[in-house]
PDB file of all heavy atoms in Angstrom:
ATOM      1  N   ILE A   1       0.841  -1.192   0.000  1.00  0.00           N
ATOM      2  CA  ILE A   1       0.000  -0.003   0.000  1.00  0.00           C
ATOM      3  C   ILE A   1       0.880   1.248   0.000  1.00  0.00           C
ATOM      4  O   ILE A   1       1.838   1.354   0.770  1.00  0.00           O
ATOM      5  CB  ILE A   1      -0.932   0.012   1.229  1.00  0.00           C
ATOM      6  CG1 ILE A   1      -1.985  -1.094   1.088  1.00  0.00           C
ATOM      7  CG2 ILE A   1      -1.604   1.358   1.395  1.00  0.00           C
ATOM      8  CD1 ILE A   1      -2.871  -1.252   2.299  1.00  0.00           C
ATOM      9  N   GLU A   2       0.549   2.195  -0.856  1.00  0.00           N
ATOM     10  CA  GLU A   2       1.297   3.440  -0.946  1.00  0.00           C
ATOM     11  C   GLU A   2       0.478   4.615  -0.425  1.00  0.00           C
ATOM     12  O   GLU A   2      -0.694   4.757  -0.756  1.00  0.00           O
ATOM     13  CB  GLU A   2       1.699   3.713  -2.399  1.00  0.00           C
ATOM     14  CG  GLU A   2       2.691   2.702  -2.970  1.00  0.00           C
ATOM     15  CD  GLU A   2       3.165   3.103  -4.347  1.00  0.00           C
ATOM     16  OE1 GLU A   2       2.824   4.223  -4.795  1.00  0.00           O
ATOM     17  OE2 GLU A   2       3.855   2.294  -4.991  1.00  0.00           O
ATOM     18  N   ALA A   3       1.102   5.440   0.392  1.00  0.00           N
ATOM     19  CA  ALA A   3       0.452   6.641   0.912  1.00  0.00           C
ATOM     20  C   ALA A   3       0.220   7.628  -0.223  1.00  0.00           C
ATOM     21  O   ALA A   3       0.947   7.628  -1.214  1.00  0.00           O
ATOM     22  CB  ALA A   3       1.302   7.274   1.998  1.00  0.00           C
ATOM     23  N   THR A   4      -0.783   8.457  -0.072  1.00  0.00           N
ATOM     24  CA  THR A   4      -1.115   9.434  -1.103  1.00  0.00           C
ATOM     25  C   THR A   4      -0.480  10.792  -0.867  1.00  0.00           C
ATOM     26  O   THR A   4      -0.324  11.591  -1.789  1.00  0.00           O
ATOM     27  CB  THR A   4      -2.632   9.631  -1.201  1.00  0.00           C
ATOM     28  OG1 THR A   4      -3.113  10.135   0.057  1.00  0.00           O
ATOM     29  CG2 THR A   4      -3.322   8.312  -1.522  1.00  0.00           C
ATOM     30  N   GLY A   5      -0.164  11.077   0.394  1.00  0.00           N
ATOM     31  CA  GLY A   5       0.355  12.401   0.724  1.00  0.00           C
ATOM     32  C   GLY A   5      -0.744  13.447   0.812  1.00  0.00           C
ATOM     33  O   GLY A   5      -0.484  14.650   0.844  1.00  0.00           O
ATOM     34  N   ARG A   6      -1.991  12.981   0.901  1.00  0.00           N
ATOM     35  CA  ARG A   6      -3.108  13.921   0.920  1.00  0.00           C
ATOM     36  C   ARG A   6      -3.269  14.575   2.290  1.00  0.00           C
ATOM     37  O   ARG A   6      -3.179  13.925   3.322  1.00  0.00           O
ATOM     38  CB  ARG A   6      -4.409  13.202   0.551  1.00  0.00           C
ATOM     39  CG  ARG A   6      -5.607  14.142   0.468  1.00  0.00           C
ATOM     40  CD  ARG A   6      -6.854  13.441  -0.032  1.00  0.00           C
ATOM     41  NE  ARG A   6      -7.945  14.390  -0.176  1.00  0.00           N
ATOM     42  CZ  ARG A   6      -9.163  14.063  -0.591  1.00  0.00           C
ATOM     43  NH1 ARG A   6      -9.436  12.805  -0.934  1.00  0.00           N
ATOM     44  NH2 ARG A   6     -10.110  14.982  -0.700  1.00  0.00           N
ATOM     45  N   MET A   7      -3.489  15.872   2.269  1.00  0.00           N
ATOM     46  CA  MET A   7      -3.806  16.644   3.469  1.00  0.00           C
ATOM     47  C   MET A   7      -5.272  17.033   3.406  1.00  0.00           C
ATOM     48  O   MET A   7      -5.772  17.441   2.357  1.00  0.00           O
ATOM     49  CB  MET A   7      -2.942  17.910   3.544  1.00  0.00           C
ATOM     50  CG  MET A   7      -1.466  17.658   3.695  1.00  0.00           C
ATOM     51  SD  MET A   7      -0.476  19.183   3.509  1.00  0.00           S
ATOM     52  CE  MET A   7      -1.234  20.253   4.741  1.00  0.00           C
ATOM     53  N   SER A   8      -5.955  16.909   4.538  1.00  0.00           N
ATOM     54  CA  SER A   8      -7.369  17.293   4.581  1.00  0.00           C
ATOM     55  C   SER A   8      -7.452  18.806   4.759  1.00  0.00           C
ATOM     56  O   SER A   8      -7.012  19.353   5.759  1.00  0.00           O
ATOM     57  CB  SER A   8      -8.071  16.580   5.735  1.00  0.00           C
ATOM     58  OG  SER A   8      -9.431  16.957   5.803  1.00  0.00           O
ATOM     59  N   ILE A   9      -8.003  19.487   3.751  1.00  0.00           N
ATOM     60  CA  ILE A   9      -8.139  20.938   3.821  1.00  0.00           C
ATOM     61  C   ILE A   9      -9.572  21.325   3.494  1.00  0.00           C
ATOM     62  O   ILE A   9     -10.324  20.541   2.927  1.00  0.00           O
ATOM     63  CB  ILE A   9      -7.182  21.658   2.836  1.00  0.00           C
ATOM     64  CG1 ILE A   9      -7.483  21.223   1.399  1.00  0.00           C
ATOM     65  CG2 ILE A   9      -5.737  21.388   3.202  1.00  0.00           C
ATOM     66  CD1 ILE A   9      -6.709  22.007   0.372  1.00  0.00           C
ATOM     67  N   ARG A  10      -9.944  22.552   3.860  1.00  0.00           N
ATOM     68  CA  ARG A  10     -11.271  23.058   3.535  1.00  0.00           C
ATOM     69  C   ARG A  10     -11.114  24.283   2.652  1.00  0.00           C
ATOM     70  O   ARG A  10     -10.410  25.234   3.005  1.00  0.00           O
ATOM     71  CB  ARG A  10     -12.050  23.407   4.810  1.00  0.00           C
ATOM     72  CG  ARG A  10     -12.311  22.190   5.696  1.00  0.00           C
ATOM     73  CD  ARG A  10     -13.289  22.504   6.785  1.00  0.00           C
ATOM     74  NE  ARG A  10     -14.620  22.749   6.239  1.00  0.00           N
ATOM     75  CZ  ARG A  10     -15.663  23.125   6.985  1.00  0.00           C
ATOM     76  NH1 ARG A  10     -15.518  23.305   8.270  1.00  0.00           N
ATOM     77  NH2 ARG A  10     -16.842  23.331   6.427  1.00  0.00           N
ATOM     78  N   MET A  11     -11.748  24.242   1.501  1.00  0.00           N
ATOM     79  CA  MET A  11     -11.624  25.315   0.522  1.00  0.00           C
ATOM     80  C   MET A  11     -12.777  26.307   0.666  1.00  0.00           C
ATOM     81  O   MET A  11     -13.853  25.968   1.155  1.00  0.00           O
ATOM     82  CB  MET A  11     -11.599  24.746  -0.884  1.00  0.00           C
ATOM     83  CG  MET A  11     -10.502  23.708  -1.126  1.00  0.00           C
ATOM     84  SD  MET A  11      -8.856  24.373  -0.888  1.00  0.00           S
ATOM     85  CE  MET A  11      -8.799  25.580  -2.216  1.00  0.00           C
ATOM     86  N   ALA A  12     -12.525  27.532   0.227  1.00  0.00           N
ATOM     87  CA  ALA A  12     -13.537  28.580   0.230  1.00  0.00           C
ATOM     88  C   ALA A  12     -13.139  29.586  -0.839  1.00  0.00           C
ATOM     89  O   ALA A  12     -12.081  29.466  -1.459  1.00  0.00           O
ATOM     90  CB  ALA A  12     -13.622  29.257   1.602  1.00  0.00           C
ATOM     91  N   HIS A  13     -13.973  30.601  -1.040  1.00  0.00           N
ATOM     92  CA  HIS A  13     -13.623  31.664  -1.967  1.00  0.00           C
ATOM     93  C   HIS A  13     -12.264  32.235  -1.541  1.00  0.00           C
ATOM     94  O   HIS A  13     -12.003  32.374  -0.335  1.00  0.00           O
ATOM     95  CB  HIS A  13     -14.694  32.757  -1.934  1.00  0.00           C
ATOM     96  CG  HIS A  13     -14.521  33.813  -2.978  1.00  0.00           C
ATOM     97  ND1 HIS A  13     -13.596  34.837  -2.849  1.00  0.00           N
ATOM     98  CD2 HIS A  13     -15.130  34.004  -4.183  1.00  0.00           C
ATOM     99  CE1 HIS A  13     -13.646  35.608  -3.911  1.00  0.00           C
ATOM    100  NE2 HIS A  13     -14.578  35.128  -4.743  1.00  0.00           N
ATOM    101  N   PRO A  14     -11.385  32.528  -2.490  1.00  0.00           N
ATOM    102  CA  PRO A  14     -10.050  33.032  -2.140  1.00  0.00           C
ATOM    103  C   PRO A  14     -10.072  34.180  -1.133  1.00  0.00           C
ATOM    104  O   PRO A  14      -9.178  34.299  -0.292  1.00  0.00           O
ATOM    105  CB  PRO A  14      -9.480  33.473  -3.493  1.00  0.00           C
ATOM    106  CG  PRO A  14     -10.151  32.590  -4.471  1.00  0.00           C
ATOM    107  CD  PRO A  14     -11.534  32.390  -3.945  1.00  0.00           C
ATOM    108  N   ARG A  15     -11.093  35.037  -1.197  1.00  0.00           N
ATOM    109  CA  ARG A  15     -11.205  36.156  -0.268  1.00  0.00           C
ATOM    110  C   ARG A  15     -11.409  35.660   1.167  1.00  0.00           C
ATOM    111  O   ARG A  15     -10.856  36.228   2.127  1.00  0.00           O
ATOM    112  CB  ARG A  15     -12.361  37.056  -0.683  1.00  0.00           C
ATOM    113  CG  ARG A  15     -12.486  38.326   0.170  1.00  0.00           C
ATOM    114  CD  ARG A  15     -13.638  39.218  -0.302  1.00  0.00           C
ATOM    115  NE  ARG A  15     -14.939  38.597  -0.076  1.00  0.00           N
ATOM    116  CZ  ARG A  15     -15.689  38.073  -1.035  1.00  0.00           C
ATOM    117  NH1 ARG A  15     -15.260  38.068  -2.289  1.00  0.00           N
ATOM    118  NH2 ARG A  15     -16.863  37.536  -0.761  1.00  0.00           N
ATOM    119  N   LEU A  16     -12.205  34.582   1.322  1.00  0.00           N
ATOM    120  CA  LEU A  16     -12.441  34.019   2.654  1.00  0.00           C
ATOM    121  C   LEU A  16     -11.285  33.114   3.090  1.00  0.00           C
ATOM    122  O   LEU A  16     -10.962  33.028   4.276  1.00  0.00           O
ATOM    123  CB  LEU A  16     -13.747  33.219   2.655  1.00  0.00           C
ATOM    124  CG  LEU A  16     -15.021  33.994   2.326  1.00  0.00           C
ATOM    125  CD1 LEU A  16     -16.207  33.052   2.241  1.00  0.00           C
ATOM    126  CD2 LEU A  16     -15.265  35.068   3.382  1.00  0.00           C
ATOM    127  N   LEU A  17     -10.686  32.454   2.113  1.00  0.00           N
ATOM    128  CA  LEU A  17      -9.575  31.541   2.408  1.00  0.00           C
ATOM    129  C   LEU A  17      -8.344  32.298   2.875  1.00  0.00           C
ATOM    130  O   LEU A  17      -7.617  31.839   3.768  1.00  0.00           O
ATOM    131  CB  LEU A  17      -9.243  30.721   1.153  1.00  0.00           C
ATOM    132  CG  LEU A  17      -8.130  29.672   1.264  1.00  0.00           C
ATOM    133  CD1 LEU A  17      -8.519  28.584   2.258  1.00  0.00           C
ATOM    134  CD2 LEU A  17      -7.851  29.063  -0.110  1.00  0.00           C
ATOM    135  N   LYS A  18      -8.118  33.474   2.295  1.00  0.00           N
ATOM    136  CA  LYS A  18      -6.927  34.264   2.606  1.00  0.00           C
ATOM    137  C   LYS A  18      -6.846  34.599   4.099  1.00  0.00           C
ATOM    138  O   LYS A  18      -7.779  35.132   4.688  1.00  0.00           O
ATOM    139  CB  LYS A  18      -6.924  35.553   1.796  1.00  0.00           C
ATOM    140  CG  LYS A  18      -5.643  36.373   1.958  1.00  0.00           C
ATOM    141  CD  LYS A  18      -5.660  37.599   1.070  1.00  0.00           C
ATOM    142  CE  LYS A  18      -4.373  38.400   1.242  1.00  0.00           C
ATOM    143  NZ  LYS A  18      -4.364  39.600   0.369  1.00  0.00           N
ATOM    144  N   GLY A  19      -5.736  34.219   4.714  1.00  0.00           N
ATOM    145  CA  GLY A  19      -5.521  34.513   6.119  1.00  0.00           C
ATOM    146  C   GLY A  19      -6.104  33.501   7.083  1.00  0.00           C
ATOM    147  O   GLY A  19      -5.871  33.566   8.293  1.00  0.00           O
ATOM    148  N   SER A  20      -6.886  32.524   6.564  1.00  0.00           N
ATOM    149  CA  SER A  20      -7.472  31.495   7.426  1.00  0.00           C
ATOM    150  C   SER A  20      -6.424  30.419   7.731  1.00  0.00           C
ATOM    151  O   SER A  20      -5.331  30.414   7.174  1.00  0.00           O
ATOM    152  CB  SER A  20      -8.691  30.868   6.756  1.00  0.00           C
ATOM    153  OG  SER A  20      -8.278  30.028   5.682  1.00  0.00           O
ATOM    154  N   SER A  21      -6.793  29.492   8.621  1.00  0.00           N
ATOM    155  CA  SER A  21      -5.859  28.418   8.990  1.00  0.00           C
ATOM    156  C   SER A  21      -5.581  27.480   7.817  1.00  0.00           C
ATOM    157  O   SER A  21      -4.593  26.738   7.836  1.00  0.00           O
ATOM    158  CB  SER A  21      -6.417  27.621  10.168  1.00  0.00           C
ATOM    159  OG  SER A  21      -7.687  27.055   9.850  1.00  0.00           O
ATOM    160  N   TYR A  22      -6.457  27.502   6.793  1.00  0.00           N
ATOM    161  CA  TYR A  22      -6.251  26.639   5.634  1.00  0.00           C
ATOM    162  C   TYR A  22      -5.492  27.341   4.499  1.00  0.00           C
ATOM    163  O   TYR A  22      -5.211  26.718   3.474  1.00  0.00           O
ATOM    164  CB  TYR A  22      -7.599  26.128   5.111  1.00  0.00           C
ATOM    165  CG  TYR A  22      -8.259  25.145   6.046  1.00  0.00           C
ATOM    166  CD1 TYR A  22      -9.255  25.557   6.919  1.00  0.00           C
ATOM    167  CD2 TYR A  22      -7.846  23.815   6.089  1.00  0.00           C
ATOM    168  CE1 TYR A  22      -9.854  24.666   7.800  1.00  0.00           C
ATOM    169  CE2 TYR A  22      -8.442  22.926   6.956  1.00  0.00           C
ATOM    170  CZ  TYR A  22      -9.437  23.354   7.812  1.00  0.00           C
ATOM    171  OH  TYR A  22     -10.016  22.461   8.678  1.00  0.00           O
ATOM    172  N   ASP A  23      -5.160  28.604   4.703  1.00  0.00           N
ATOM    173  CA  ASP A  23      -4.375  29.332   3.705  1.00  0.00           C
ATOM    174  C   ASP A  23      -2.900  29.049   3.956  1.00  0.00           C
ATOM    175  O   ASP A  23      -2.138  29.921   4.377  1.00  0.00           O
ATOM    176  CB  ASP A  23      -4.678  30.837   3.801  1.00  0.00           C
ATOM    177  CG  ASP A  23      -4.063  31.618   2.647  1.00  0.00           C
ATOM    178  OD1 ASP A  23      -3.767  30.994   1.597  1.00  0.00           O
ATOM    179  OD2 ASP A  23      -3.882  32.836   2.791  1.00  0.00           O
ATOM    180  N   ILE A  24      -2.511  27.807   3.689  1.00  0.00           N
ATOM    181  CA  ILE A  24      -1.182  27.337   4.068  1.00  0.00           C
ATOM    182  C   ILE A  24      -0.108  27.813   3.085  1.00  0.00           C
ATOM    183  O   ILE A  24      -0.366  28.048   1.914  1.00  0.00           O
ATOM    184  CB  ILE A  24      -1.154  25.792   4.128  1.00  0.00           C
ATOM    185  CG1 ILE A  24      -1.620  25.194   2.792  1.00  0.00           C
ATOM    186  CG2 ILE A  24      -2.011  25.279   5.267  1.00  0.00           C
ATOM    187  CD1 ILE A  24      -1.574  23.689   2.751  1.00  0.00           C
ATOM    188  N   ALA A  25       1.118  27.959   3.627  1.00  0.00           N
ATOM    189  CA  ALA A  25       2.259  28.281   2.781  1.00  0.00           C
ATOM    190  C   ALA A  25       2.584  27.072   1.926  1.00  0.00           C
ATOM    191  O   ALA A  25       2.580  25.931   2.400  1.00  0.00           O
ATOM    192  CB  ALA A  25       3.455  28.671   3.645  1.00  0.00           C
TER     193      ALA A  25
END
């Protein structure tokens, strides 16, 4: 079995996403 490297994130409009905890570097 091979890992996917997937991270669980929550998407939103870029304006709402910006600066949130999901706006990762």
